[in-house]
Amino acid sequence: WYLFLTNNVSIPDLDVELRGEVSSTDKGTVDQQTNTLRNAFAESGDSVTLQLAGGETEKITVMQSALPSMYIELNSVTLDEVHQDKDVKYDGTQVIVTDIANTKNNLHVTDATFKGRGNSSWACYEKKGYQLKFDKKTSVLGMAKAKKWVLLANASDDSMMRNQLAFHLADQLGMPYVPDSAYVDLWINGDYRGTYLVCEKVEIGSSRVDLKDPKGVLMEQDEAFYADEDIWIQNDGTGKHFVLKESVTEDDQSVIQEAVQGFDDALNEFMDYLLVTPDGDITLDALSQYIDVDSFLQYYLVNEYTLSRESATTSFYWYKDGDSDVLHLGPVWDFDTCMGNDLNDTESYKKMHICSHIVYQRLLSIPVVQDALKKLYEYNESVFKDMGVKTDTLHELLQSSANMNYTRWQALINGFSGKGTFFAASYQEATRNLKNWLDKREKSGNIYISNEAKCKKRNRNSKKTFQNETNKEEKMKKKLISTLLAAAMLGTMVAGTTVSADEAAGDNTYTMFMRNTYVNWIKELKWYDAAEEATGIHVEYVEGPDEF
């Protein structure tokens, strides 16, 4: 038997009420009248063996950590009922936080709302994530006041450090709105649930993502679960799905619709600019008219260096604070499947992931972006190198709590979990695996150089890569050419393009004036010559400036 104790319990003074008749104990004493074990334990990890009247023996071990303890008592509902549906909210929840290292952090709330959270992590693990909502803004463990707080289970991360390491990295690189977080030991209805990370929720708020404009929106690219959301779009410029996570305006659907459309339009304009502008002509100032360049570079380095496998498909947050604002990336989120915890791939430290995202495919082919990324990495190189030191610090902080967690969740250890990550046999092994991966990652060369080289190779014809991924440009080309051919045959006008029949030629040859961009498109089409031959129509294109 294990007794998992909150950190405000004095182990030497612990009295344990026993069930069944005990004839003797190897430590302490048993009060036969009250059947209470006293003076049996001195510190965490101590065990006592009881001799029962029937001849059997039972062993009791006490475990306790120095982390703050969070105790949640649900109002007339069991945790099994909560686990039936993560979206059901339960009011009247009592929350108690005790922190013997800093009693100012002690908290007692009696009217919180409790619910489940997570998508794949909710489905894959018995150790689940939760969300608390207080009726007023409340500080938890010294963090900025807010109503909503997330309890991350880190069930797919055997080190339970990866989110913290990535958050710290993002903060050191200067990203705004990086979620603050703190570790706790968690109990719900008296059941010890393990080591959890109490974390700021990614949301709009004065102490979170501080958007002010009525059309401010927080969006998430989510290719896995977008259909479950109330409001989502598929952006033409990227081909990706974006869900509305929150908006500054909450009760005016017309404003919300305009805000989401504004985000969609801004992203399309940005991708169109990347499409039609030669890489060498793009400047950082020009990019700044569309995006917050710093946030795009910072987001890339955090997710690529940690090899976050989910960064390009889900939990990919963007925000825009109204019509006059540009696109921003962040906050960073969801790092439980990264930094080499898939041990099936022993050389993952050499690999890249988010550089294959269509946005970064284009950005990483631009010389000024490559230079800016290089400077950002080199300026912060010590931050990346120090991640191993940060791992040592977190290991020391978490060790006693992690030992409790590994004891509680023995079903997870020494195997691959529901999300495909490896869970080590011990916390020491988990830390060692993580540190080894970070060490190899750092020694494998500057990550921006490796990624730049591979992404440049992938993007040798970057515009063609872009066209193939979205299919948008190819459709535009075919639609344009079909329209032009029809216009040539009719000798008429199409929007923004002058078409005139060459009467002197006396045949099916036409002269057409159009923008350089469209002429270049036509020249790239392998099927266009065959189309002319099949139709018997030939069009001579005279190039004009793009503002033509």
Protein backbone atom coordinates (compact mmCIF):
# COMPACT_ATOMS: atom_id res chain seq x y z
CA TRP A 1 0.00 0.00 0.00
CA TYR A 2 1.08 3.58 -0.72
CA LEU A 3 0.04 6.69 1.16
CA PHE A 4 0.50 9.76 -1.05
CA LEU A 5 0.58 12.74 1.28
CA THR A 6 -0.05 16.43 0.66
CA ASN A 7 2.90 18.61 1.56
CA ASN A 8 1.28 20.10 4.67
CA VAL A 9 1.23 16.71 6.45
CA SER A 10 3.92 16.14 9.09
CA ILE A 11 5.13 12.58 8.46
CA PRO A 12 6.56 11.96 11.99
CA ASP A 13 3.19 12.95 13.44
CA LEU A 14 1.20 10.83 11.00
CA ASP A 15 -1.47 8.55 12.47
CA VAL A 16 -2.84 5.83 10.18
CA GLU A 17 -6.22 4.26 10.89
CA LEU A 18 -6.09 0.56 10.02
CA ARG A 19 -8.77 -1.89 8.92
CA GLY A 20 -8.56 -5.48 10.10
CA GLU A 21 -6.89 -6.91 13.16
CA VAL A 22 -3.14 -6.26 13.37
CA SER A 23 -1.07 -8.46 15.64
CA SER A 24 2.27 -6.67 15.30
CA THR A 25 4.28 -4.06 13.40
CA ASP A 26 8.00 -3.76 12.67
CA LYS A 27 7.91 -0.01 13.30
CA GLY A 28 5.88 2.25 15.54
CA THR A 29 3.00 1.09 17.66
CA VAL A 30 -0.60 0.06 17.09
CA ASP A 31 -3.25 1.32 19.48
CA GLN A 32 -5.38 -1.81 19.79
CA GLN A 33 -8.47 0.06 20.98
CA THR A 34 -8.55 2.52 18.06
CA ASN A 35 -6.60 0.32 15.59
CA THR A 36 -4.35 3.28 14.82
CA LEU A 37 -0.71 3.08 13.72
CA ARG A 38 1.48 5.76 15.30
CA ASN A 39 5.15 6.83 15.15
CA ALA A 40 5.91 4.45 12.29
CA PHE A 41 7.35 6.88 9.72
CA ALA A 42 10.09 9.49 9.83
CA GLU A 43 10.28 10.71 6.21
CA SER A 44 9.01 10.16 2.68
CA GLY A 45 9.85 6.70 1.38
CA ASP A 46 9.67 5.00 4.78
CA SER A 47 7.80 1.70 4.92
CA VAL A 48 6.26 -0.38 7.68
CA THR A 49 5.30 -4.07 7.60
CA LEU A 50 2.19 -5.14 9.48
CA GLN A 51 1.53 -8.68 10.67
CA LEU A 52 -2.18 -9.41 10.45
CA ALA A 53 -4.05 -11.72 12.81
CA GLY A 54 -4.60 -14.27 10.06
CA GLY A 55 -0.88 -14.57 9.37
CA GLU A 56 -0.73 -12.35 6.28
CA THR A 57 1.54 -9.32 6.03
CA GLU A 58 0.88 -5.90 4.53
CA LYS A 59 3.42 -3.24 3.68
CA ILE A 60 2.64 0.49 3.83
CA THR A 61 4.92 3.12 2.25
CA VAL A 62 4.47 6.86 2.65
CA MET A 63 5.39 9.24 -0.17
CA GLN A 64 5.46 13.03 -0.19
CA SER A 65 7.11 15.74 -2.27
CA ALA A 66 8.04 19.36 -1.64
CA LEU A 67 5.89 20.58 -4.53
CA PRO A 68 2.75 22.57 -3.73
CA SER A 69 -0.29 20.34 -3.28
CA MET A 70 -3.61 20.95 -5.04
CA TYR A 71 -6.65 19.22 -3.60
CA ILE A 72 -9.91 19.28 -5.57
CA GLU A 73 -13.20 18.12 -4.11
CA LEU A 74 -16.03 17.75 -6.61
CA ASN A 75 -19.59 18.59 -5.69
CA SER A 76 -21.61 15.34 -5.55
CA VAL A 77 -19.95 13.86 -8.63
CA THR A 78 -17.29 11.19 -9.14
CA LEU A 79 -14.24 11.49 -11.34
CA ASP A 80 -15.51 8.54 -13.38
CA GLU A 81 -18.57 10.62 -14.26
CA VAL A 82 -16.34 13.53 -15.29
CA HIS A 83 -14.41 11.19 -17.56
CA GLN A 84 -17.55 10.31 -19.50
CA ASP A 85 -17.60 13.71 -21.23
CA LYS A 86 -14.81 16.29 -21.03
CA ASP A 87 -17.13 19.16 -21.98
CA VAL A 88 -19.58 18.84 -19.08
CA LYS A 89 -18.94 21.53 -16.46
CA TYR A 90 -19.33 20.89 -12.74
CA ASP A 91 -20.01 23.83 -10.43
CA GLY A 92 -19.44 24.05 -6.70
CA THR A 93 -15.97 22.56 -6.87
CA GLN A 94 -13.67 23.12 -3.90
CA VAL A 95 -10.00 23.88 -4.64
CA ILE A 96 -7.30 23.92 -1.94
CA VAL A 97 -3.67 24.76 -2.67
CA THR A 98 -0.99 24.42 0.02
CA ASP A 99 2.59 25.56 -0.51
CA ILE A 100 4.83 25.10 2.51
CA ALA A 101 7.69 26.89 0.72
CA ASN A 102 5.59 30.03 0.31
CA THR A 103 2.40 30.21 2.34
CA LYS A 104 1.32 33.31 0.40
CA ASN A 105 0.41 30.87 -2.37
CA ASN A 106 -2.06 28.98 -0.18
CA LEU A 107 -5.54 29.09 -1.68
CA HIS A 108 -9.02 27.93 -0.69
CA VAL A 109 -11.89 28.38 -3.16
CA THR A 110 -15.31 26.77 -2.72
CA ASP A 111 -17.20 27.66 -5.90
CA ALA A 112 -14.96 26.80 -8.86
CA THR A 113 -16.12 25.11 -12.07
CA PHE A 114 -14.36 21.91 -13.13
CA LYS A 115 -14.21 20.13 -16.50
CA GLY A 116 -12.01 17.91 -18.62
CA ARG A 117 -9.74 19.16 -21.40
CA GLY A 118 -7.56 17.86 -24.22
CA ASN A 119 -8.18 16.04 -27.48
CA SER A 120 -5.88 13.11 -28.21
CA SER A 121 -4.47 13.23 -24.68
CA TRP A 122 -7.99 12.96 -23.26
CA ALA A 123 -8.74 9.94 -25.43
CA CYS A 124 -5.42 8.15 -25.00
CA TYR A 125 -4.69 8.30 -21.27
CA GLU A 126 -6.23 7.55 -17.92
CA LYS A 127 -4.13 10.36 -16.51
CA LYS A 128 -6.18 13.17 -18.01
CA GLY A 129 -6.02 16.94 -18.21
CA TYR A 130 -8.56 19.27 -16.60
CA GLN A 131 -9.62 22.90 -16.47
CA LEU A 132 -10.62 25.06 -13.53
CA LYS A 133 -12.61 28.26 -13.73
CA PHE A 134 -13.01 30.57 -10.74
CA ASP A 135 -15.90 33.03 -10.42
CA LYS A 136 -13.42 35.92 -10.25
CA LYS A 137 -9.85 36.49 -11.38
CA THR A 138 -7.58 34.59 -9.02
CA SER A 139 -3.82 34.19 -8.74
CA VAL A 140 -2.60 30.61 -8.56
CA LEU A 141 0.89 29.97 -7.19
CA GLY A 142 1.92 33.57 -7.74
CA MET A 143 0.91 33.75 -11.40
CA ALA A 144 -1.07 36.67 -12.82
CA LYS A 145 -4.75 36.71 -11.88
CA ALA A 146 -7.21 35.08 -14.25
CA LYS A 147 -10.36 33.00 -14.08
CA LYS A 148 -9.36 29.99 -16.17
CA TRP A 149 -6.50 27.61 -15.38
CA VAL A 150 -5.37 24.46 -17.17
CA LEU A 151 -4.09 21.34 -15.42
CA LEU A 152 -1.71 19.59 -17.84
CA ALA A 153 -1.21 15.89 -17.12
CA ASN A 154 1.93 15.44 -19.29
CA ALA A 155 0.91 11.80 -19.62
CA SER A 156 2.81 11.35 -22.90
CA ASP A 157 5.98 12.99 -21.53
CA ASP A 158 7.89 10.75 -19.15
CA SER A 159 10.15 13.62 -18.08
CA MET A 160 7.19 15.94 -17.46
CA MET A 161 9.59 18.74 -18.44
CA ARG A 162 9.06 19.26 -22.14
CA ASN A 163 6.31 21.88 -21.91
CA GLN A 164 8.26 23.82 -19.29
CA LEU A 165 11.48 23.66 -21.32
CA ALA A 166 9.75 24.92 -24.46
CA PHE A 167 7.92 27.69 -22.60
CA HIS A 168 11.21 28.80 -21.06
CA LEU A 169 12.91 28.77 -24.47
CA ALA A 170 10.14 30.87 -26.02
CA ASP A 171 10.32 33.33 -23.14
CA GLN A 172 14.09 33.65 -23.45
CA LEU A 173 13.75 34.33 -27.19
CA GLY A 174 11.42 37.22 -26.36
CA MET A 175 8.07 35.84 -27.48
CA PRO A 176 5.07 37.61 -25.93
CA TYR A 177 2.27 35.84 -24.10
CA VAL A 178 4.25 32.70 -23.24
CA PRO A 179 2.07 30.70 -20.80
CA ASP A 180 3.25 30.86 -17.20
CA SER A 181 3.12 27.58 -15.29
CA ALA A 182 3.94 25.83 -12.01
CA TYR A 183 4.06 22.20 -10.89
CA VAL A 184 1.77 20.64 -8.28
CA ASP A 185 0.88 17.26 -6.87
CA LEU A 186 -2.83 16.79 -7.58
CA TRP A 187 -5.60 15.01 -5.65
CA ILE A 188 -9.22 14.79 -6.80
CA ASN A 189 -11.85 13.49 -4.39
CA GLY A 190 -9.03 12.07 -2.25
CA ASP A 191 -7.48 10.15 -5.16
CA TYR A 192 -3.86 11.07 -5.88
CA ARG A 193 -3.62 11.83 -9.63
CA GLY A 194 0.10 12.54 -10.07
CA THR A 195 2.39 15.40 -11.05
CA TYR A 196 0.55 18.13 -12.95
CA LEU A 197 1.51 21.45 -14.54
CA VAL A 198 -0.86 24.27 -13.60
CA CYS A 199 -0.75 26.51 -16.63
CA GLU A 200 -2.19 29.72 -17.97
CA LYS A 201 -4.82 29.00 -20.61
CA VAL A 202 -4.20 30.25 -24.15
CA GLU A 203 -6.96 32.84 -24.32
CA ILE A 204 -7.65 36.53 -24.78
CA GLY A 205 -7.28 38.51 -21.58
CA SER A 206 -5.36 41.33 -19.94
CA SER A 207 -2.92 38.86 -18.40
CA ARG A 208 -3.00 36.43 -21.34
CA VAL A 209 -3.16 37.41 -25.05
CA ASP A 210 -3.94 41.07 -24.57
CA LEU A 211 -6.04 42.03 -27.59
CA LYS A 212 -8.08 45.24 -27.49
CA ASP A 213 -9.71 45.84 -30.87
CA PRO A 214 -13.34 44.69 -31.25
CA LYS A 215 -12.15 42.64 -34.25
CA GLY A 216 -9.26 41.05 -32.36
CA VAL A 217 -9.17 37.27 -32.81
CA LEU A 218 -7.16 34.32 -31.53
CA MET A 219 -7.10 31.55 -34.14
CA GLU A 220 -5.70 28.03 -34.08
CA GLN A 221 -4.61 26.01 -37.08
CA ASP A 222 -5.99 22.57 -36.30
CA GLU A 223 -6.03 19.91 -38.98
CA ALA A 224 -7.17 17.19 -36.58
CA PHE A 225 -10.19 18.53 -34.70
CA TYR A 226 -11.38 21.63 -36.57
CA ALA A 227 -14.73 20.07 -37.44
CA ASP A 228 -15.59 19.86 -33.73
CA GLU A 229 -15.47 23.64 -33.35
CA ASP A 230 -18.33 26.11 -33.81
CA ILE A 231 -16.49 28.47 -36.17
CA TRP A 232 -13.77 27.35 -38.56
CA ILE A 233 -12.48 28.25 -42.01
CA GLN A 234 -10.26 26.69 -44.65
CA ASN A 235 -7.82 29.31 -45.78
CA ASP A 236 -7.25 29.37 -49.55
CA GLY A 237 -3.71 30.72 -49.40
CA THR A 238 -2.40 27.89 -47.22
CA GLY A 239 -5.02 25.18 -47.63
CA LYS A 240 -5.08 24.91 -43.82
CA HIS A 241 -8.00 24.85 -41.38
CA PHE A 242 -8.28 27.54 -38.73
CA VAL A 243 -10.70 27.57 -35.82
CA LEU A 244 -11.77 30.61 -33.87
CA LYS A 245 -10.57 30.05 -30.31
CA GLU A 246 -11.62 33.43 -28.94
CA SER A 247 -12.57 36.91 -30.07
CA VAL A 248 -12.56 40.23 -28.26
CA THR A 249 -16.20 40.65 -29.25
CA GLU A 250 -18.28 37.84 -27.80
CA ASP A 251 -21.93 38.70 -28.44
CA ASP A 252 -22.09 40.31 -31.89
CA GLN A 253 -21.98 37.65 -34.59
CA SER A 254 -21.59 40.15 -37.41
CA VAL A 255 -18.46 41.63 -35.83
CA ILE A 256 -17.08 38.15 -35.13
CA GLN A 257 -17.71 37.14 -38.74
CA GLU A 258 -15.95 40.27 -40.00
CA ALA A 259 -13.03 39.63 -37.66
CA VAL A 260 -12.56 36.04 -38.85
CA GLN A 261 -12.91 37.16 -42.46
CA GLY A 262 -10.31 39.85 -41.81
CA PHE A 263 -7.89 37.21 -40.53
CA ASP A 264 -8.60 34.99 -43.53
CA ASP A 265 -8.10 37.89 -45.98
CA ALA A 266 -4.87 38.98 -44.29
CA LEU A 267 -3.42 35.48 -44.52
CA ASN A 268 -4.43 35.20 -48.18
CA GLU A 269 -2.82 38.55 -48.96
CA PHE A 270 0.36 37.47 -47.22
CA MET A 271 0.54 34.17 -49.12
CA ASP A 272 -0.27 35.92 -52.40
CA TYR A 273 2.57 38.34 -51.78
CA LEU A 274 4.98 35.46 -51.19
CA LEU A 275 3.71 33.77 -54.32
CA VAL A 276 4.15 36.58 -56.81
CA THR A 277 7.25 38.27 -55.39
CA PRO A 278 10.72 36.90 -56.24
CA ASP A 279 12.59 35.78 -53.13
CA GLY A 280 15.44 38.20 -53.72
CA ASP A 281 13.08 41.18 -53.92
CA ILE A 282 11.50 40.58 -50.53
CA THR A 283 12.69 42.72 -47.61
CA LEU A 284 11.95 42.46 -43.90
CA ASP A 285 10.20 45.83 -44.07
CA ALA A 286 7.96 44.52 -46.83
CA LEU A 287 7.17 41.38 -44.83
CA SER A 288 6.37 43.56 -41.82
CA GLN A 289 3.43 44.95 -43.73
CA TYR A 290 1.83 41.50 -43.44
CA ILE A 291 3.30 39.71 -40.43
CA ASP A 292 5.09 40.24 -37.14
CA VAL A 293 8.39 38.91 -38.46
CA ASP A 294 9.93 38.42 -35.01
CA SER A 295 7.12 36.14 -33.86
CA PHE A 296 7.39 34.02 -37.02
CA LEU A 297 11.14 33.56 -36.52
CA GLN A 298 10.82 32.89 -32.78
CA TYR A 299 7.98 30.43 -33.28
CA TYR A 300 10.01 28.58 -35.88
CA LEU A 301 13.11 28.24 -33.69
CA VAL A 302 11.17 27.04 -30.64
CA ASN A 303 9.22 24.40 -32.53
CA GLU A 304 11.97 23.29 -34.89
CA TYR A 305 14.69 23.03 -32.27
CA THR A 306 12.44 20.96 -30.02
CA LEU A 307 11.19 18.95 -33.03
CA SER A 308 7.59 19.44 -31.98
CA ARG A 309 5.70 16.87 -34.01
CA GLU A 310 2.32 18.51 -33.54
CA SER A 311 3.39 22.08 -34.29
CA ALA A 312 2.38 22.11 -37.95
CA THR A 313 -0.97 20.39 -37.55
CA THR A 314 -2.61 21.45 -34.30
CA SER A 315 -2.13 23.86 -31.38
CA PHE A 316 -0.67 26.29 -33.93
CA TYR A 317 -1.90 29.64 -32.61
CA TRP A 318 -2.17 32.91 -34.54
CA TYR A 319 -3.66 36.23 -33.53
CA LYS A 320 -4.59 39.55 -35.11
CA ASP A 321 -5.76 42.60 -33.18
CA GLY A 322 -8.20 44.15 -35.63
CA ASP A 323 -8.07 45.42 -39.22
CA SER A 324 -4.99 47.61 -38.73
CA ASP A 325 -2.88 44.86 -37.20
CA VAL A 326 -0.64 42.31 -38.92
CA LEU A 327 -0.56 38.55 -38.35
CA HIS A 328 1.26 37.24 -35.27
CA LEU A 329 2.25 33.70 -34.30
CA GLY A 330 1.82 32.41 -30.75
CA PRO A 331 1.45 31.68 -27.98
CA VAL A 332 3.47 28.48 -28.19
CA TRP A 333 1.65 25.42 -26.89
CA ASP A 334 1.66 21.62 -26.64
CA PHE A 335 5.15 20.14 -26.36
CA ASP A 336 4.47 16.73 -24.85
CA THR A 337 5.47 14.94 -28.07
CA CYS A 338 8.84 16.42 -28.94
CA MET A 339 12.56 16.40 -28.07
CA GLY A 340 13.07 12.79 -29.02
CA ASN A 341 10.55 10.98 -26.85
CA ASP A 342 9.81 8.65 -29.75
CA LEU A 343 12.71 6.27 -29.23
CA ASN A 344 11.74 4.27 -32.30
CA ASP A 345 13.63 7.00 -34.17
CA THR A 346 17.11 7.05 -32.67
CA GLU A 347 18.30 9.81 -35.00
CA SER A 348 15.43 12.24 -34.61
CA TYR A 349 17.87 14.83 -33.29
CA LYS A 350 19.01 15.29 -36.91
CA LYS A 351 15.54 15.92 -38.26
CA MET A 352 13.19 18.83 -38.85
CA HIS A 353 9.45 19.11 -38.99
CA ILE A 354 7.81 22.52 -39.09
CA CYS A 355 9.99 23.69 -41.99
CA SER A 356 7.70 21.57 -44.19
CA HIS A 357 4.70 23.76 -43.30
CA ILE A 358 3.68 25.75 -46.35
CA VAL A 359 4.28 29.11 -44.64
CA TYR A 360 7.80 28.19 -43.62
CA GLN A 361 8.54 26.54 -46.95
CA ARG A 362 8.15 29.95 -48.51
CA LEU A 363 9.69 32.04 -45.74
CA LEU A 364 12.81 29.90 -45.45
CA SER A 365 13.57 30.35 -49.14
CA ILE A 366 13.86 34.14 -48.71
CA PRO A 367 17.46 35.36 -48.23
CA VAL A 368 16.65 38.14 -45.75
CA VAL A 369 14.62 35.71 -43.63
CA GLN A 370 17.49 33.23 -43.62
CA ASP A 371 19.83 35.99 -42.46
CA ALA A 372 17.45 37.18 -39.74
CA LEU A 373 16.93 33.63 -38.51
CA LYS A 374 20.67 33.08 -38.36
CA LYS A 375 21.19 36.26 -36.34
CA LEU A 376 18.38 35.37 -33.93
CA TYR A 377 19.83 31.91 -33.34
CA GLU A 378 23.38 33.12 -32.90
CA TYR A 379 22.35 35.90 -30.52
CA ASN A 380 20.51 33.33 -28.36
CA GLU A 381 22.83 30.37 -28.88
CA SER A 382 23.61 30.13 -25.17
CA VAL A 383 19.89 29.75 -24.43
CA PHE A 384 19.73 26.62 -26.59
CA LYS A 385 22.93 25.22 -25.10
CA ASP A 386 21.62 25.80 -21.56
CA MET A 387 18.55 23.63 -22.07
CA GLY A 388 20.47 20.70 -20.60
CA VAL A 389 21.23 22.75 -17.48
CA LYS A 390 17.57 23.67 -17.24
CA THR A 391 16.77 19.95 -17.43
CA ASP A 392 19.01 19.29 -14.42
CA THR A 393 17.27 22.04 -12.46
CA LEU A 394 13.81 20.67 -13.25
CA HIS A 395 14.88 17.11 -12.42
CA GLU A 396 15.97 18.21 -8.96
CA LEU A 397 12.70 20.09 -8.47
CA LEU A 398 10.51 17.22 -9.64
CA GLN A 399 12.34 14.10 -8.49
CA SER A 400 10.33 13.31 -5.36
CA SER A 401 7.05 14.20 -7.08
CA ALA A 402 8.03 12.19 -10.15
CA ASN A 403 8.75 9.15 -7.99
CA MET A 404 5.21 9.40 -6.67
CA ASN A 405 3.86 9.86 -10.20
CA TYR A 406 5.75 6.82 -11.52
CA THR A 407 4.44 4.76 -8.59
CA ARG A 408 0.85 5.89 -9.25
CA TRP A 409 0.99 5.38 -13.01
CA GLN A 410 2.93 2.16 -13.38
CA ALA A 411 0.77 1.20 -16.36
CA LEU A 412 2.48 3.94 -18.38
CA ILE A 413 6.10 3.09 -17.76
CA ASN A 414 8.58 1.21 -19.94
CA GLY A 415 6.56 1.28 -23.13
CA PHE A 416 5.03 3.34 -25.91
CA SER A 417 1.96 5.35 -25.05
CA GLY A 418 -1.25 6.17 -26.86
CA LYS A 419 0.28 9.12 -28.70
CA GLY A 420 3.29 7.09 -29.76
CA THR A 421 5.78 8.43 -27.24
CA PHE A 422 8.11 6.29 -25.14
CA PHE A 423 7.65 6.31 -21.37
CA ALA A 424 10.84 5.27 -19.58
CA ALA A 425 11.05 2.69 -16.79
CA SER A 426 12.26 5.28 -14.29
CA TYR A 427 12.38 9.03 -13.91
CA GLN A 428 16.17 8.94 -13.97
CA GLU A 429 16.07 7.16 -17.33
CA ALA A 430 13.54 9.67 -18.65
CA THR A 431 15.76 12.61 -17.73
CA ARG A 432 18.82 10.90 -19.15
CA ASN A 433 17.07 10.24 -22.49
CA LEU A 434 15.93 13.85 -22.71
CA LYS A 435 19.37 15.26 -21.87
CA ASN A 436 21.06 12.96 -24.38
CA TRP A 437 18.71 14.11 -27.12
CA LEU A 438 19.25 17.79 -26.30
CA ASP A 439 23.00 17.26 -26.24
CA LYS A 440 22.95 15.59 -29.66
CA ARG A 441 20.61 18.27 -31.00
CA GLU A 442 22.98 21.02 -29.93
CA LYS A 443 26.05 19.22 -31.28
CA SER A 444 24.43 18.32 -34.60
CA GLY A 445 24.97 21.89 -35.84
CA ASN A 446 23.05 25.12 -35.84
CA ILE A 447 19.48 24.08 -36.39
CA TYR A 448 18.64 26.96 -38.71
CA ILE A 449 21.49 25.91 -41.04
CA SER A 450 20.33 22.30 -41.28
CA ASN A 451 16.74 23.33 -41.81
CA GLU A 452 17.60 26.09 -44.23
CA ALA A 453 19.64 23.69 -46.34
CA LYS A 454 16.97 21.00 -46.46
CA CYS A 455 14.10 23.39 -46.91
CA LYS A 456 16.02 25.23 -49.63
CA LYS A 457 16.59 21.91 -51.37
CA ARG A 458 12.91 21.15 -51.02
CA ASN A 459 12.11 24.64 -52.29
CA ARG A 460 14.58 24.81 -55.15
CA ASN A 461 11.50 25.61 -57.16
CA SER A 462 9.67 27.04 -54.18
CA LYS A 463 6.77 28.49 -56.12
CA LYS A 464 6.14 25.12 -57.73
CA THR A 465 6.16 23.45 -54.30
CA PHE A 466 3.64 26.01 -53.14
CA GLN A 467 1.41 25.38 -56.13
CA ASN A 468 1.44 21.62 -55.63
CA GLU A 469 0.57 21.82 -51.94
CA THR A 470 -2.46 24.09 -52.23
CA ASN A 471 -3.59 23.46 -55.84
CA LYS A 472 -4.90 27.01 -55.67
CA GLU A 473 -2.50 28.59 -58.13
CA GLU A 474 -2.88 25.81 -60.69
CA LYS A 475 -6.65 26.27 -60.59
CA MET A 476 -6.22 30.01 -60.97
CA LYS A 477 -3.94 29.50 -63.98
CA LYS A 478 -6.32 27.15 -65.76
CA LYS A 479 -9.26 29.40 -65.05
CA LEU A 480 -7.35 32.41 -66.34
CA ILE A 481 -6.17 30.69 -69.53
CA SER A 482 -9.64 29.32 -70.26
CA THR A 483 -11.04 32.81 -69.87
CA LEU A 484 -8.32 34.34 -72.07
CA LEU A 485 -8.80 31.82 -74.85
CA ALA A 486 -12.54 32.39 -74.78
CA ALA A 487 -11.98 36.13 -74.78
CA ALA A 488 -9.60 35.85 -77.70
CA MET A 489 -12.15 33.92 -79.73
CA LEU A 490 -14.86 36.46 -78.93
CA GLY A 491 -12.58 39.45 -79.38
CA THR A 492 -14.00 40.95 -76.22
CA MET A 493 -12.81 42.37 -72.89
CA VAL A 494 -12.08 40.55 -69.67
CA ALA A 495 -11.59 42.25 -66.35
CA GLY A 496 -8.32 44.16 -66.24
CA THR A 497 -7.01 42.65 -69.53
CA THR A 498 -7.21 44.11 -73.04
CA VAL A 499 -7.82 41.68 -75.88
CA SER A 500 -7.74 42.73 -79.54
CA ALA A 501 -7.99 40.65 -82.70
CA ASP A 502 -5.09 41.00 -85.09
CA GLU A 503 -7.11 41.75 -88.25
CA ALA A 504 -4.01 42.05 -90.41
CA ALA A 505 -3.05 38.48 -89.69
CA GLY A 506 -6.24 37.13 -91.16
CA ASP A 507 -6.09 33.97 -89.08
CA ASN A 508 -6.72 32.73 -85.53
CA THR A 509 -3.83 34.70 -84.03
CA TYR A 510 -4.59 37.28 -81.35
CA THR A 511 -2.53 39.79 -79.42
CA MET A 512 -3.16 40.13 -75.72
CA PHE A 513 -1.71 42.60 -73.22
CA MET A 514 -1.48 41.46 -69.61
CA ARG A 515 0.55 41.66 -66.42
CA ASN A 516 4.06 40.14 -66.29
CA THR A 517 2.92 37.79 -63.53
CA TYR A 518 0.23 36.23 -65.71
CA VAL A 519 2.57 35.90 -68.68
CA ASN A 520 5.06 34.05 -66.47
CA TRP A 521 2.30 31.74 -65.31
CA ILE A 522 1.38 30.89 -68.88
CA LYS A 523 4.98 30.17 -69.83
CA GLU A 524 5.21 27.63 -67.01
CA LEU A 525 2.19 25.64 -68.20
CA LYS A 526 3.35 22.53 -69.99
CA TRP A 527 -0.10 21.81 -71.39
CA TYR A 528 -0.63 25.27 -72.92
CA ASP A 529 1.12 24.58 -76.26
CA ALA A 530 -0.94 21.45 -76.70
CA ALA A 531 -4.12 23.42 -75.92
CA GLU A 532 -3.30 25.97 -78.61
CA GLU A 533 -2.62 23.23 -81.13
CA ALA A 534 -5.84 21.42 -80.27
CA THR A 535 -7.99 24.56 -80.53
CA GLY A 536 -6.20 26.07 -83.50
CA ILE A 537 -5.94 29.34 -81.59
CA HIS A 538 -2.67 31.13 -80.98
CA VAL A 539 -2.33 34.07 -78.60
CA GLU A 540 0.73 36.30 -78.51
CA TYR A 541 1.18 37.82 -75.08
CA VAL A 542 2.72 41.24 -74.68
CA GLU A 543 4.11 41.79 -71.20
CA GLY A 544 3.19 44.83 -69.20
CA PRO A 545 3.95 46.00 -65.66
CA ASP A 546 2.14 44.31 -62.76
CA GLU A 547 0.11 47.46 -62.14
CA PHE A 548 -1.15 47.26 -65.73
